[in-house]
PDB file of all heavy atoms in Angstrom:
ATOM      1  N   GLY A   1      66.557  22.391   6.246  1.00  0.00           N
ATOM      2  CA  GLY A   1      67.657  21.500   6.596  1.00  0.00           C
ATOM      3  C   GLY A   1      68.048  20.568   5.472  1.00  0.00           C
ATOM      4  O   GLY A   1      68.636  19.518   5.707  1.00  0.00           O
ATOM      5  N   GLU A   2      67.725  20.941   4.227  1.00  0.00           N
ATOM      6  CA  GLU A   2      68.004  20.093   3.076  1.00  0.00           C
ATOM      7  C   GLU A   2      68.806  20.847   2.021  1.00  0.00           C
ATOM      8  O   GLU A   2      68.773  22.069   1.960  1.00  0.00           O
ATOM      9  CB  GLU A   2      66.707  19.629   2.415  1.00  0.00           C
ATOM     10  CG  GLU A   2      65.874  18.712   3.251  1.00  0.00           C
ATOM     11  CD  GLU A   2      64.635  18.257   2.507  1.00  0.00           C
ATOM     12  OE1 GLU A   2      64.018  19.059   1.789  1.00  0.00           O
ATOM     13  OE2 GLU A   2      64.308  17.077   2.644  1.00  0.00           O
ATOM     14  N   TRP A   3      69.477  20.065   1.181  1.00  0.00           N
ATOM     15  CA  TRP A   3      70.112  20.609  -0.006  1.00  0.00           C
ATOM     16  C   TRP A   3      69.076  20.607  -1.112  1.00  0.00           C
ATOM     17  O   TRP A   3      68.290  19.661  -1.231  1.00  0.00           O
ATOM     18  CB  TRP A   3      71.324  19.765  -0.410  1.00  0.00           C
ATOM     19  CG  TRP A   3      72.502  20.056   0.446  1.00  0.00           C
ATOM     20  CD1 TRP A   3      72.814  19.462   1.635  1.00  0.00           C
ATOM     21  CD2 TRP A   3      73.497  21.046   0.210  1.00  0.00           C
ATOM     22  NE1 TRP A   3      73.951  20.023   2.148  1.00  0.00           N
ATOM     23  CE2 TRP A   3      74.397  20.990   1.291  1.00  0.00           C
ATOM     24  CE3 TRP A   3      73.723  21.981  -0.809  1.00  0.00           C
ATOM     25  CZ2 TRP A   3      75.501  21.831   1.378  1.00  0.00           C
ATOM     26  CZ3 TRP A   3      74.824  22.802  -0.724  1.00  0.00           C
ATOM     27  CH2 TRP A   3      75.686  22.730   0.355  1.00  0.00           C
ATOM     28  N   LYS A   4      69.052  21.670  -1.907  1.00  0.00           N
ATOM     29  CA  LYS A   4      68.094  21.777  -3.008  1.00  0.00           C
ATOM     30  C   LYS A   4      68.840  22.113  -4.287  1.00  0.00           C
ATOM     31  O   LYS A   4      69.966  22.607  -4.257  1.00  0.00           O
ATOM     32  CB  LYS A   4      67.063  22.861  -2.707  1.00  0.00           C
ATOM     33  CG  LYS A   4      66.183  22.504  -1.528  1.00  0.00           C
ATOM     34  CD  LYS A   4      65.092  23.506  -1.330  1.00  0.00           C
ATOM     35  CE  LYS A   4      64.206  23.064  -0.167  1.00  0.00           C
ATOM     36  NZ  LYS A   4      63.060  23.945   0.006  1.00  0.00           N
ATOM     37  N   ALA A   5      68.193  21.842  -5.415  1.00  0.00           N
ATOM     38  CA  ALA A   5      68.787  22.146  -6.713  1.00  0.00           C
ATOM     39  C   ALA A   5      67.713  22.644  -7.664  1.00  0.00           C
ATOM     40  O   ALA A   5      66.554  22.239  -7.580  1.00  0.00           O
ATOM     41  CB  ALA A   5      69.464  20.916  -7.288  1.00  0.00           C
ATOM     42  N   ARG A   6      68.130  23.531  -8.569  1.00  0.00           N
ATOM     43  CA  ARG A   6      67.259  24.030  -9.618  1.00  0.00           C
ATOM     44  C   ARG A   6      68.086  24.168 -10.886  1.00  0.00           C
ATOM     45  O   ARG A   6      69.309  24.015 -10.857  1.00  0.00           O
ATOM     46  CB  ARG A   6      66.643  25.372  -9.247  1.00  0.00           C
ATOM     47  CG  ARG A   6      67.640  26.502  -9.168  1.00  0.00           C
ATOM     48  CD  ARG A   6      66.951  27.796  -8.834  1.00  0.00           C
ATOM     49  NE  ARG A   6      67.923  28.886  -8.722  1.00  0.00           N
ATOM     50  CZ  ARG A   6      67.586  30.121  -8.475  1.00  0.00           C
ATOM     51  NH1 ARG A   6      66.321  30.438  -8.300  1.00  0.00           N
ATOM     52  NH2 ARG A   6      68.508  31.066  -8.398  1.00  0.00           N
ATOM     53  N   VAL A   7      67.429  24.441 -11.990  1.00  0.00           N
ATOM     54  CA  VAL A   7      68.138  24.661 -13.245  1.00  0.00           C
ATOM     55  C   VAL A   7      67.912  26.091 -13.711  1.00  0.00           C
ATOM     56  O   VAL A   7      66.845  26.669 -13.498  1.00  0.00           O
ATOM     57  CB  VAL A   7      67.730  23.655 -14.346  1.00  0.00           C
ATOM     58  CG1 VAL A   7      68.226  22.266 -14.014  1.00  0.00           C
ATOM     59  CG2 VAL A   7      66.244  23.633 -14.569  1.00  0.00           C
ATOM     60  N   ARG A   8      68.960  26.647 -14.309  1.00  0.00           N
ATOM     61  CA  ARG A   8      68.916  28.001 -14.864  1.00  0.00           C
ATOM     62  C   ARG A   8      69.134  27.879 -16.365  1.00  0.00           C
ATOM     63  O   ARG A   8      70.037  27.184 -16.807  1.00  0.00           O
ATOM     64  CB  ARG A   8      69.980  28.875 -14.232  1.00  0.00           C
ATOM     65  CG  ARG A   8      69.732  29.074 -12.737  1.00  0.00           C
ATOM     66  CD  ARG A   8      70.866  29.741 -12.023  1.00  0.00           C
ATOM     67  NE  ARG A   8      71.212  31.043 -12.557  1.00  0.00           N
ATOM     68  CZ  ARG A   8      70.704  32.203 -12.119  1.00  0.00           C
ATOM     69  NH1 ARG A   8      69.847  32.190 -11.129  1.00  0.00           N
ATOM     70  NH2 ARG A   8      71.070  33.340 -12.649  1.00  0.00           N
ATOM     71  N   PHE A   9      68.293  28.554 -17.127  1.00  0.00           N
ATOM     72  CA  PHE A   9      68.364  28.534 -18.586  1.00  0.00           C
ATOM     73  C   PHE A   9      68.964  29.854 -19.055  1.00  0.00           C
ATOM     74  O   PHE A   9      68.369  30.915 -18.853  1.00  0.00           O
ATOM     75  CB  PHE A   9      66.969  28.342 -19.175  1.00  0.00           C
ATOM     76  CG  PHE A   9      66.360  27.007 -18.851  1.00  0.00           C
ATOM     77  CD1 PHE A   9      65.618  26.832 -17.692  1.00  0.00           C
ATOM     78  CD2 PHE A   9      66.534  25.918 -19.690  1.00  0.00           C
ATOM     79  CE1 PHE A   9      65.051  25.606 -17.380  1.00  0.00           C
ATOM     80  CE2 PHE A   9      65.981  24.687 -19.381  1.00  0.00           C
ATOM     81  CZ  PHE A   9      65.243  24.528 -18.231  1.00  0.00           C
ATOM     82  N   VAL A  10      70.141  29.785 -19.665  1.00  0.00           N
ATOM     83  CA  VAL A  10      70.841  30.966 -20.167  1.00  0.00           C
ATOM     84  C   VAL A  10      70.564  31.038 -21.670  1.00  0.00           C
ATOM     85  O   VAL A  10      71.035  30.184 -22.427  1.00  0.00           O
ATOM     86  CB  VAL A  10      72.359  30.867 -19.912  1.00  0.00           C
ATOM     87  CG1 VAL A  10      73.066  32.119 -20.407  1.00  0.00           C
ATOM     88  CG2 VAL A  10      72.643  30.609 -18.443  1.00  0.00           C
ATOM     89  N   PRO A  11      69.794  32.035 -22.124  1.00  0.00           N
ATOM     90  CA  PRO A  11      69.439  32.097 -23.554  1.00  0.00           C
ATOM     91  C   PRO A  11      70.660  32.392 -24.430  1.00  0.00           C
ATOM     92  O   PRO A  11      71.420  33.311 -24.142  1.00  0.00           O
ATOM     93  CB  PRO A  11      68.409  33.216 -23.628  1.00  0.00           C
ATOM     94  CG  PRO A  11      68.598  34.017 -22.399  1.00  0.00           C
ATOM     95  CD  PRO A  11      69.201  33.132 -21.365  1.00  0.00           C
ATOM     96  N   LEU A  12      70.829  31.582 -25.476  1.00  0.00           N
ATOM     97  CA  LEU A  12      71.929  31.785 -26.415  1.00  0.00           C
ATOM     98  C   LEU A  12      71.495  32.626 -27.616  1.00  0.00           C
ATOM     99  O   LEU A  12      72.321  33.195 -28.295  1.00  0.00           O
ATOM    100  CB  LEU A  12      72.458  30.437 -26.915  1.00  0.00           C
ATOM    101  CG  LEU A  12      73.066  29.529 -25.856  1.00  0.00           C
ATOM    102  CD1 LEU A  12      73.474  28.211 -26.476  1.00  0.00           C
ATOM    103  CD2 LEU A  12      74.246  30.209 -25.193  1.00  0.00           C
ATOM    104  N   ASP A  13      70.198  32.684 -27.841  1.00  0.00           N
ATOM    105  CA  ASP A  13      69.690  33.360 -29.031  1.00  0.00           C
ATOM    106  C   ASP A  13      69.117  34.750 -28.739  1.00  0.00           C
ATOM    107  O   ASP A  13      68.503  35.352 -29.596  1.00  0.00           O
ATOM    108  CB  ASP A  13      68.638  32.494 -29.700  1.00  0.00           C
ATOM    109  CG  ASP A  13      67.510  32.101 -28.761  1.00  0.00           C
ATOM    110  OD1 ASP A  13      67.480  32.584 -27.617  1.00  0.00           O
ATOM    111  OD2 ASP A  13      66.656  31.304 -29.168  1.00  0.00           O
ATOM    112  N   ARG A  14      69.296  35.227 -27.532  1.00  0.00           N
ATOM    113  CA  ARG A  14      68.826  36.559 -27.124  1.00  0.00           C
ATOM    114  C   ARG A  14      67.307  36.742 -27.275  1.00  0.00           C
ATOM    115  O   ARG A  14      66.830  37.847 -27.472  1.00  0.00           O
ATOM    116  CB  ARG A  14      69.559  37.650 -27.889  1.00  0.00           C
ATOM    117  CG  ARG A  14      71.032  37.628 -27.625  1.00  0.00           C
ATOM    118  CD  ARG A  14      71.727  38.727 -28.359  1.00  0.00           C
ATOM    119  NE  ARG A  14      73.161  38.563 -28.212  1.00  0.00           N
ATOM    120  CZ  ARG A  14      73.983  39.546 -27.992  1.00  0.00           C
ATOM    121  NH1 ARG A  14      73.544  40.765 -27.914  1.00  0.00           N
ATOM    122  NH2 ARG A  14      75.260  39.320 -27.870  1.00  0.00           N
ATOM    123  N   SER A  15      66.582  35.655 -27.198  1.00  0.00           N
ATOM    124  CA  SER A  15      65.123  35.737 -27.312  1.00  0.00           C
ATOM    125  C   SER A  15      64.474  36.150 -25.997  1.00  0.00           C
ATOM    126  O   SER A  15      63.301  36.482 -25.969  1.00  0.00           O
ATOM    127  CB  SER A  15      64.557  34.396 -27.771  1.00  0.00           C
ATOM    128  OG  SER A  15      64.872  33.384 -26.827  1.00  0.00           O
ATOM    129  N   LEU A  16      65.228  36.123 -24.916  1.00  0.00           N
ATOM    130  CA  LEU A  16      64.739  36.563 -23.611  1.00  0.00           C
ATOM    131  C   LEU A  16      65.702  37.612 -23.064  1.00  0.00           C
ATOM    132  O   LEU A  16      66.887  37.597 -23.403  1.00  0.00           O
ATOM    133  CB  LEU A  16      64.661  35.384 -22.638  1.00  0.00           C
ATOM    134  CG  LEU A  16      63.626  34.326 -22.965  1.00  0.00           C
ATOM    135  CD1 LEU A  16      63.799  33.130 -22.051  1.00  0.00           C
ATOM    136  CD2 LEU A  16      62.223  34.887 -22.837  1.00  0.00           C
ATOM    137  N   PRO A  17      65.218  38.499 -22.206  1.00  0.00           N
ATOM    138  CA  PRO A  17      66.089  39.558 -21.696  1.00  0.00           C
ATOM    139  C   PRO A  17      67.183  39.081 -20.740  1.00  0.00           C
ATOM    140  O   PRO A  17      68.130  39.809 -20.482  1.00  0.00           O
ATOM    141  CB  PRO A  17      65.127  40.506 -20.994  1.00  0.00           C
ATOM    142  CG  PRO A  17      63.914  39.701 -20.713  1.00  0.00           C
ATOM    143  CD  PRO A  17      63.840  38.658 -21.772  1.00  0.00           C
ATOM    144  N   GLY A  18      67.073  37.882 -20.221  1.00  0.00           N
ATOM    145  CA  GLY A  18      68.090  37.404 -19.277  1.00  0.00           C
ATOM    146  C   GLY A  18      67.886  35.949 -18.924  1.00  0.00           C
ATOM    147  O   GLY A  18      67.108  35.238 -19.545  1.00  0.00           O
ATOM    148  N   VAL A  19      68.594  35.508 -17.919  1.00  0.00           N
ATOM    149  CA  VAL A  19      68.543  34.123 -17.441  1.00  0.00           C
ATOM    150  C   VAL A  19      67.217  33.876 -16.733  1.00  0.00           C
ATOM    151  O   VAL A  19      66.719  34.740 -16.007  1.00  0.00           O
ATOM    152  CB  VAL A  19      69.720  33.866 -16.476  1.00  0.00           C
ATOM    153  CG1 VAL A  19      69.657  32.468 -15.900  1.00  0.00           C
ATOM    154  CG2 VAL A  19      71.038  34.101 -17.179  1.00  0.00           C
ATOM    155  N   ILE A  20      66.654  32.695 -16.943  1.00  0.00           N
ATOM    156  CA  ILE A  20      65.435  32.300 -16.230  1.00  0.00           C
ATOM    157  C   ILE A  20      65.760  31.043 -15.418  1.00  0.00           C
ATOM    158  O   ILE A  20      66.636  30.271 -15.787  1.00  0.00           O
ATOM    159  CB  ILE A  20      64.245  32.052 -17.179  1.00  0.00           C
ATOM    160  CG1 ILE A  20      64.587  31.012 -18.253  1.00  0.00           C
ATOM    161  CG2 ILE A  20      63.798  33.359 -17.819  1.00  0.00           C
ATOM    162  CD1 ILE A  20      63.430  30.620 -19.144  1.00  0.00           C
ATOM    163  N   ALA A  21      65.067  30.868 -14.294  1.00  0.00           N
ATOM    164  CA  ALA A  21      65.364  29.747 -13.400  1.00  0.00           C
ATOM    165  C   ALA A  21      64.091  29.028 -12.982  1.00  0.00           C
ATOM    166  O   ALA A  21      63.031  29.642 -12.844  1.00  0.00           O
ATOM    167  CB  ALA A  21      66.100  30.251 -12.166  1.00  0.00           C
ATOM    168  N   SER A  22      64.217  27.737 -12.770  1.00  0.00           N
ATOM    169  CA  SER A  22      63.099  26.931 -12.287  1.00  0.00           C
ATOM    170  C   SER A  22      63.004  27.035 -10.770  1.00  0.00           C
ATOM    171  O   SER A  22      63.893  27.561 -10.111  1.00  0.00           O
ATOM    172  CB  SER A  22      63.315  25.469 -12.685  1.00  0.00           C
ATOM    173  OG  SER A  22      64.364  24.902 -11.918  1.00  0.00           O
ATOM    174  N   GLU A  23      61.939  26.497 -10.241  1.00  0.00           N
ATOM    175  CA  GLU A  23      61.832  26.305  -8.794  1.00  0.00           C
ATOM    176  C   GLU A  23      62.744  25.134  -8.429  1.00  0.00           C
ATOM    177  O   GLU A  23      63.300  24.476  -9.290  1.00  0.00           O
ATOM    178  CB  GLU A  23      60.379  25.970  -8.426  1.00  0.00           C
ATOM    179  CG  GLU A  23      59.399  27.085  -8.705  1.00  0.00           C
ATOM    180  CD  GLU A  23      59.608  28.284  -7.802  1.00  0.00           C
ATOM    181  OE1 GLU A  23      59.965  28.082  -6.626  1.00  0.00           O
ATOM    182  OE2 GLU A  23      59.433  29.406  -8.282  1.00  0.00           O
ATOM    183  N   ALA A  24      62.875  24.852  -7.163  1.00  0.00           N
ATOM    184  CA  ALA A  24      63.695  23.715  -6.730  1.00  0.00           C
ATOM    185  C   ALA A  24      63.129  22.424  -7.323  1.00  0.00           C
ATOM    186  O   ALA A  24      61.949  22.128  -7.180  1.00  0.00           O
ATOM    187  CB  ALA A  24      63.718  23.631  -5.213  1.00  0.00           C
ATOM    188  N   LEU A  25      63.986  21.686  -8.024  1.00  0.00           N
ATOM    189  CA  LEU A  25      63.571  20.436  -8.659  1.00  0.00           C
ATOM    190  C   LEU A  25      63.912  19.224  -7.809  1.00  0.00           C
ATOM    191  O   LEU A  25      63.212  18.223  -7.835  1.00  0.00           O
ATOM    192  CB  LEU A  25      64.285  20.260 -10.006  1.00  0.00           C
ATOM    193  CG  LEU A  25      64.016  21.258 -11.093  1.00  0.00           C
ATOM    194  CD1 LEU A  25      64.866  20.937 -12.304  1.00  0.00           C
ATOM    195  CD2 LEU A  25      62.560  21.244 -11.465  1.00  0.00           C
ATOM    196  N   LEU A  26      65.012  19.316  -7.095  1.00  0.00           N
ATOM    197  CA  LEU A  26      65.519  18.195  -6.319  1.00  0.00           C
ATOM    198  C   LEU A  26      65.789  18.635  -4.887  1.00  0.00           C
ATOM    199  O   LEU A  26      66.096  19.801  -4.641  1.00  0.00           O
ATOM    200  CB  LEU A  26      66.831  17.695  -6.928  1.00  0.00           C
ATOM    201  CG  LEU A  26      66.815  17.335  -8.410  1.00  0.00           C
ATOM    202  CD1 LEU A  26      68.235  17.214  -8.935  1.00  0.00           C
ATOM    203  CD2 LEU A  26      66.055  16.050  -8.616  1.00  0.00           C
ATOM    204  N   HIS A  27      65.701  17.702  -3.969  1.00  0.00           N
ATOM    205  CA  HIS A  27      66.077  17.984  -2.591  1.00  0.00           C
ATOM    206  C   HIS A  27      66.513  16.689  -1.926  1.00  0.00           C
ATOM    207  O   HIS A  27      66.039  15.610  -2.257  1.00  0.00           O
ATOM    208  CB  HIS A  27      64.939  18.651  -1.812  1.00  0.00           C
ATOM    209  CG  HIS A  27      63.680  17.843  -1.793  1.00  0.00           C
ATOM    210  ND1 HIS A  27      63.429  16.899  -0.834  1.00  0.00           N
ATOM    211  CD2 HIS A  27      62.615  17.830  -2.625  1.00  0.00           C
ATOM    212  CE1 HIS A  27      62.252  16.347  -1.069  1.00  0.00           C
ATOM    213  NE2 HIS A  27      61.739  16.882  -2.148  1.00  0.00           N
ATOM    214  N   ALA A  28      67.482  16.820  -1.030  1.00  0.00           N
ATOM    215  CA  ALA A  28      68.011  15.660  -0.300  1.00  0.00           C
ATOM    216  C   ALA A  28      68.737  16.158   0.938  1.00  0.00           C
ATOM    217  O   ALA A  28      69.061  17.335   1.056  1.00  0.00           O
ATOM    218  CB  ALA A  28      68.956  14.856  -1.182  1.00  0.00           C
ATOM    219  N   ARG A  29      68.997  15.271   1.845  1.00  0.00           N
ATOM    220  CA  ARG A  29      69.716  15.625   3.077  1.00  0.00           C
ATOM    221  C   ARG A  29      71.206  15.865   2.818  1.00  0.00           C
ATOM    222  O   ARG A  29      71.833  16.642   3.494  1.00  0.00           O
ATOM    223  CB  ARG A  29      69.567  14.514   4.122  1.00  0.00           C
ATOM    224  CG  ARG A  29      68.181  14.417   4.680  1.00  0.00           C
ATOM    225  CD  ARG A  29      67.980  15.457   5.727  1.00  0.00           C
ATOM    226  NE  ARG A  29      66.610  15.417   6.211  1.00  0.00           N
ATOM    227  CZ  ARG A  29      66.037  16.417   6.777  1.00  0.00           C
ATOM    228  NH1 ARG A  29      66.671  17.551   6.955  1.00  0.00           N
ATOM    229  NH2 ARG A  29      64.800  16.326   7.204  1.00  0.00           N
ATOM    230  N   ARG A  30      71.761  15.173   1.817  1.00  0.00           N
ATOM    231  CA  ARG A  30      73.195  15.276   1.549  1.00  0.00           C
ATOM    232  C   ARG A  30      73.448  15.983   0.225  1.00  0.00           C
ATOM    233  O   ARG A  30      72.752  15.758  -0.759  1.00  0.00           O
ATOM    234  CB  ARG A  30      73.818  13.892   1.529  1.00  0.00           C
ATOM    235  CG  ARG A  30      73.734  13.217   2.886  1.00  0.00           C
ATOM    236  CD  ARG A  30      74.334  11.862   2.891  1.00  0.00           C
ATOM    237  NE  ARG A  30      75.640  11.869   2.224  1.00  0.00           N
ATOM    238  CZ  ARG A  30      76.359  10.794   2.051  1.00  0.00           C
ATOM    239  NH1 ARG A  30      75.940   9.635   2.504  1.00  0.00           N
ATOM    240  NH2 ARG A  30      77.512  10.858   1.441  1.00  0.00           N
ATOM    241  N   ARG A  31      74.473  16.813   0.225  1.00  0.00           N
ATOM    242  CA  ARG A  31      74.836  17.592  -0.961  1.00  0.00           C
ATOM    243  C   ARG A  31      75.206  16.698  -2.144  1.00  0.00           C
ATOM    244  O   ARG A  31      74.775  16.941  -3.272  1.00  0.00           O
ATOM    245  CB  ARG A  31      76.004  18.501  -0.614  1.00  0.00           C
ATOM    246  CG  ARG A  31      76.523  19.295  -1.759  1.00  0.00           C
ATOM    247  CD  ARG A  31      77.672  20.144  -1.287  1.00  0.00           C
ATOM    248  NE  ARG A  31      78.322  20.807  -2.391  1.00  0.00           N
ATOM    249  CZ  ARG A  31      79.396  21.520  -2.269  1.00  0.00           C
ATOM    250  NH1 ARG A  31      79.959  21.683  -1.091  1.00  0.00           N
ATOM    251  NH2 ARG A  31      79.924  22.086  -3.306  1.00  0.00           N
ATOM    252  N   ASP A  32      75.991  15.652  -1.903  1.00  0.00           N
ATOM    253  CA  ASP A  32      76.423  14.800  -3.005  1.00  0.00           C
ATOM    254  C   ASP A  32      75.253  14.075  -3.669  1.00  0.00           C
ATOM    255  O   ASP A  32      75.279  13.827  -4.878  1.00  0.00           O
ATOM    256  CB  ASP A  32      77.504  13.813  -2.562  1.00  0.00           C
ATOM    257  CG  ASP A  32      77.054  12.863  -1.471  1.00  0.00           C
ATOM    258  OD1 ASP A  32      76.122  13.201  -0.722  1.00  0.00           O
ATOM    259  OD2 ASP A  32      77.658  11.779  -1.349  1.00  0.00           O
TER     260      ASP A  32
END
């Protein structure tokens, strides 16, 4: 019943095969 947020790291140098993402870093009852 909460809004959650995570960060996605898009490699610019092609050192990784694709995008990597964190687990949920933030959570709150309201989206804003």
